Protein backbone atom coordinates (compact mmCIF):
# COMPACT_ATOMS: atom_id res chain seq x y z
CA MET A 1 0.01 0.16 0.29
CA THR A 2 0.93 3.52 -1.07
CA GLU A 3 2.00 5.55 1.94
CA SER A 4 -0.43 8.76 2.34
CA THR A 5 1.52 12.41 1.83
CA ARG A 6 1.77 13.80 5.23
CA VAL A 7 0.34 17.64 4.74
CA LEU A 8 0.60 20.65 6.94
CA ILE A 9 -1.38 23.64 6.15
CA VAL A 10 -0.09 26.95 7.62
CA ASP A 11 -2.62 29.43 7.01
CA ASP A 12 -4.46 32.41 9.28
CA HIS A 13 -8.06 32.22 7.68
CA PRO A 14 -9.53 29.69 9.28
CA LEU A 15 -12.09 29.30 6.39
CA PHE A 16 -9.17 28.92 3.52
CA ARG A 17 -7.55 26.13 5.93
CA ILE A 18 -10.93 24.23 5.82
CA GLY A 19 -11.21 24.70 1.96
CA VAL A 20 -7.55 23.53 1.43
CA ARG A 21 -8.70 20.48 3.42
CA GLN A 22 -11.67 19.69 1.69
CA LEU A 23 -9.82 20.04 -1.60
CA LEU A 24 -7.14 17.86 -0.69
CA ALA A 25 -9.98 15.56 0.20
CA LEU A 26 -10.60 14.85 -3.13
CA GLU A 27 -7.97 13.15 -3.86
CA THR A 28 -6.58 10.27 -2.66
CA GLY A 29 -3.26 9.64 -0.72
CA TYR A 30 -3.14 12.77 1.43
CA ASP A 31 -3.09 13.10 5.25
CA VAL A 32 -3.45 16.64 6.78
CA VAL A 33 -1.51 15.87 10.12
CA GLY A 34 -2.01 19.62 11.00
CA GLU A 35 -2.80 23.01 10.40
CA ALA A 36 -1.57 26.31 12.01
CA ALA A 37 -2.91 29.71 12.12
CA SER A 38 0.34 31.60 12.23
CA GLY A 39 3.78 31.11 10.98
CA GLN A 40 5.18 29.89 14.56
CA GLU A 41 2.63 27.70 14.94
CA GLY A 42 3.67 26.21 11.52
CA ILE A 43 7.32 26.11 12.36
CA ALA A 44 6.31 23.97 16.08
CA LEU A 45 4.01 21.76 14.10
CA ALA A 46 6.40 21.09 11.18
CA ARG A 47 9.32 19.95 13.60
CA LEU A 48 6.47 17.69 15.40
CA HIS A 49 4.80 16.26 12.62
CA ASP A 50 7.70 16.22 9.86
CA PRO A 51 5.38 16.36 7.38
CA ASP A 52 5.87 15.80 3.33
CA LEU A 53 4.40 18.59 2.05
CA ILE A 54 3.40 22.34 3.75
CA LEU A 55 1.00 24.47 2.00
CA LEU A 56 2.12 27.66 3.35
CA ASP A 57 -0.04 31.29 3.12
CA LEU A 58 2.56 34.13 2.55
CA ASN A 59 0.61 37.19 3.86
CA MET A 60 0.19 36.43 7.57
CA ASN A 61 -0.18 38.39 10.48
CA GLY A 62 2.87 38.64 12.77
CA MET A 63 5.53 36.44 11.28
CA ASP A 64 4.68 36.21 7.50
CA GLY A 65 4.97 33.50 5.06
CA LEU A 66 8.53 34.45 3.77
CA GLU A 67 10.12 34.39 7.29
CA THR A 68 8.24 31.28 7.93
CA LEU A 69 9.69 29.74 4.92
CA ARG A 70 13.36 31.10 5.92
CA THR A 71 12.95 30.05 9.30
CA MET A 72 11.51 26.60 8.56
CA ARG A 73 14.55 25.80 6.25
CA ASP A 74 17.05 27.51 8.42
CA LEU A 75 15.93 24.70 11.02
CA GLY A 76 16.41 21.77 8.53
CA VAL A 77 12.75 21.21 7.43
CA ASP A 78 12.94 19.28 4.16
CA ALA A 79 9.10 18.97 3.58
CA ARG A 80 8.36 19.99 0.36
CA ILE A 81 6.91 23.56 0.88
CA ILE A 82 4.48 25.58 -1.39
CA VAL A 83 3.70 28.88 -1.06
CA LEU A 84 -0.17 29.08 -1.32
CA THR A 85 -1.29 33.05 -2.42
CA VAL A 86 -2.88 35.63 -3.74
CA SER A 87 0.17 37.63 -4.38
CA ASN A 88 1.29 37.74 -7.79
CA SER A 89 4.05 40.03 -7.17
CA PRO A 90 7.52 39.47 -9.08
CA ASP A 91 9.35 40.35 -5.70
CA ASP A 92 7.69 38.12 -3.59
CA LEU A 93 7.73 35.07 -5.89
CA MET A 94 11.29 35.56 -6.31
CA THR A 95 12.02 35.91 -2.60
CA ALA A 96 10.27 32.80 -1.79
CA ILE A 97 11.76 30.79 -4.60
CA ARG A 98 15.27 32.02 -2.85
CA ALA A 99 14.22 31.12 0.32
CA GLY A 100 13.84 27.20 -0.56
CA SER A 101 10.10 27.17 -1.59
CA ASP A 102 9.27 24.07 -3.91
CA GLY A 103 6.00 26.08 -5.58
CA PHE A 104 4.08 29.42 -5.48
CA ILE A 105 0.54 28.95 -6.41
CA LEU A 106 -2.18 31.50 -7.04
CA LYS A 107 -5.12 30.90 -4.76
CA ASP A 108 -7.41 32.12 -7.34
CA ASN A 109 -6.31 29.15 -9.65
CA ASP A 110 -8.99 26.39 -10.28
CA PRO A 111 -8.64 23.80 -7.66
CA GLU A 112 -7.63 21.00 -10.42
CA ASP A 113 -4.99 23.18 -11.06
CA ILE A 114 -3.99 23.60 -7.63
CA LEU A 115 -4.22 19.82 -7.36
CA ARG A 116 -2.07 18.98 -10.21
CA MET A 117 0.91 21.42 -9.26
CA ILE A 118 0.96 20.31 -5.58
CA ALA A 119 1.04 16.92 -7.12
CA SER A 120 3.80 17.96 -9.35
CA ALA A 121 5.75 19.15 -6.46
CA LEU A 122 5.53 16.15 -4.53
CA GLU A 123 7.18 14.37 -7.69
CA GLY A 124 10.42 17.28 -7.51
CA LYS A 125 9.18 19.04 -10.77
CA ASN A 126 8.10 22.83 -10.96
CA ALA A 127 4.93 23.77 -9.38
CA ILE A 128 4.73 27.51 -10.29
CA SER A 129 1.69 29.30 -11.45
CA PRO A 130 1.62 29.39 -15.36
CA GLU A 131 1.24 33.10 -15.58
CA LEU A 132 3.98 33.55 -13.18
CA ALA A 133 6.79 31.22 -14.83
CA SER A 134 7.94 33.97 -17.52
CA LEU A 135 8.15 36.47 -14.39
CA LEU A 136 10.27 34.40 -12.66
CA ALA A 137 12.54 33.76 -15.59
CA THR A 138 12.87 37.48 -16.84
CA ALA A 139 14.14 38.29 -13.07
CA LEU A 140 16.54 35.57 -13.57
CA ARG A 141 17.47 36.41 -16.51
CA GLU A 142 18.29 40.47 -15.61
CA GLU A 143 20.27 39.77 -12.42
CA ALA A 144 23.77 38.33 -13.01
CA ALA A 145 23.03 35.33 -14.32
CA SER A 146 26.17 34.91 -16.40
CA GLU A 147 28.08 35.26 -13.41
CA ARG A 148 26.49 32.53 -11.79
CA ARG A 149 26.96 30.11 -15.01
CA GLY A 150 30.76 31.17 -15.23
CA GLY A 151 31.41 30.58 -12.04
CA ALA A 152 29.73 27.30 -11.77
CA ASN A 153 32.13 24.84 -12.83
CA LEU A 154 29.44 22.00 -13.07
CA THR A 155 30.65 18.44 -13.62
CA ASP A 156 28.97 16.58 -16.72
CA ARG A 157 26.82 14.82 -14.51
CA GLU A 158 25.75 17.67 -12.38
CA THR A 159 24.72 19.03 -16.19
CA SER A 160 22.79 16.26 -16.92
CA ILE A 161 20.99 16.56 -14.06
CA LEU A 162 20.29 20.10 -14.35
CA LYS A 163 19.16 19.28 -17.73
CA CYS A 164 16.66 17.20 -16.49
CA LEU A 165 15.27 19.68 -14.09
CA ALA A 166 15.17 22.24 -17.30
CA ALA A 167 12.37 19.14 -18.31
CA GLY A 168 10.60 18.82 -14.89
CA LYS A 169 11.65 15.64 -14.23
CA SER A 170 11.03 14.18 -11.01
CA ASN A 171 14.17 12.91 -9.02
CA LYS A 172 12.84 9.16 -9.74
CA LEU A 173 12.86 9.21 -13.24
CA ILE A 174 16.27 11.54 -13.52
CA ALA A 175 17.61 8.34 -11.42
CA ARG A 176 16.10 5.93 -14.14
CA ASP A 177 17.14 7.89 -17.00
CA LEU A 178 20.72 8.08 -15.79
CA ASP A 179 20.78 4.61 -14.27
CA ILE A 180 22.03 5.77 -11.15
CA MET A 181 20.24 6.18 -7.60
CA GLU A 182 17.63 8.46 -6.77
CA SER A 183 19.64 9.12 -3.52
CA THR A 184 22.33 9.97 -5.82
CA VAL A 185 20.37 12.29 -7.82
CA LYS A 186 19.07 14.41 -4.49
CA VAL A 187 23.15 14.73 -3.41
CA HIS A 188 23.98 15.75 -7.46
CA ILE A 189 21.20 18.26 -7.03
CA ARG A 190 22.12 19.43 -3.49
CA ASN A 191 25.82 20.33 -4.73
CA LEU A 192 24.72 21.87 -8.44
CA LEU A 193 22.36 24.18 -6.37
CA LYS A 194 25.70 25.01 -4.31
CA LYS A 195 27.53 25.75 -7.16
CA LEU A 196 24.88 28.03 -8.94
CA HIS A 197 23.98 29.86 -5.56
CA PHE A 198 20.36 28.91 -6.06
CA LYS A 199 18.11 27.94 -3.05
CA SER A 200 15.77 25.69 -4.80
CA ARG A 201 15.42 23.00 -7.61
CA LEU A 202 12.45 25.25 -9.05
CA GLU A 203 14.93 28.34 -9.06
CA ALA A 204 17.71 26.57 -10.92
CA ALA A 205 15.14 24.84 -13.69
CA ILE A 206 13.87 28.09 -14.61
CA TRP A 207 16.96 29.62 -14.85
CA ALA A 208 18.26 26.40 -16.85
CA VAL A 209 15.11 26.89 -19.27
CA ASP A 210 16.11 30.20 -19.87
CA GLN A 211 19.69 29.22 -21.05
CA ASP A 212 18.02 26.67 -22.88
CA LEU A 213 19.77 23.83 -21.58
CA ARG A 214 17.11 21.41 -22.15
């Protein structure tokens, strides 16, 4: 039997938390293990429950979503963290991705699209509202991307994996295509992110697409 994906919802609006829980209930394989009404509570529950997926609101009273995201990553929370927000600000998008978000989904997307993007993130693929992808690519292009590329010194294997990320492939699929262990894929991704000075695979993938590395 396939294990359910353990989900933590962090949002300061009770009705939205209920809505997200109901949305996830439409699909099999999700188990909501906690709901938090603040960033501080979300951090505590993330450490307590060790979820596989965290759905995080951006604009919360007190500790906002970005600060919550940074703190979670600094504390070693390795769950997939998807920002679920009403903000379509390029600055918020870039900041969230650099802080370690695995996705950035607008709350006004159709429910089936939200579920599809969440599933993509769990597979290690890009999870970003389509209307925001071009904004991210433009922002990455405008800021010293050439400096990153010139100083990266990626190995051939890392370059191959970066191309796979650009193609939206999951870790499992990358491992199969390159005939290596999935755990090895994760190590290579961690190394290439460090070399490229990226915080998340999503940021690296969008940059690689913009550099035509597919």
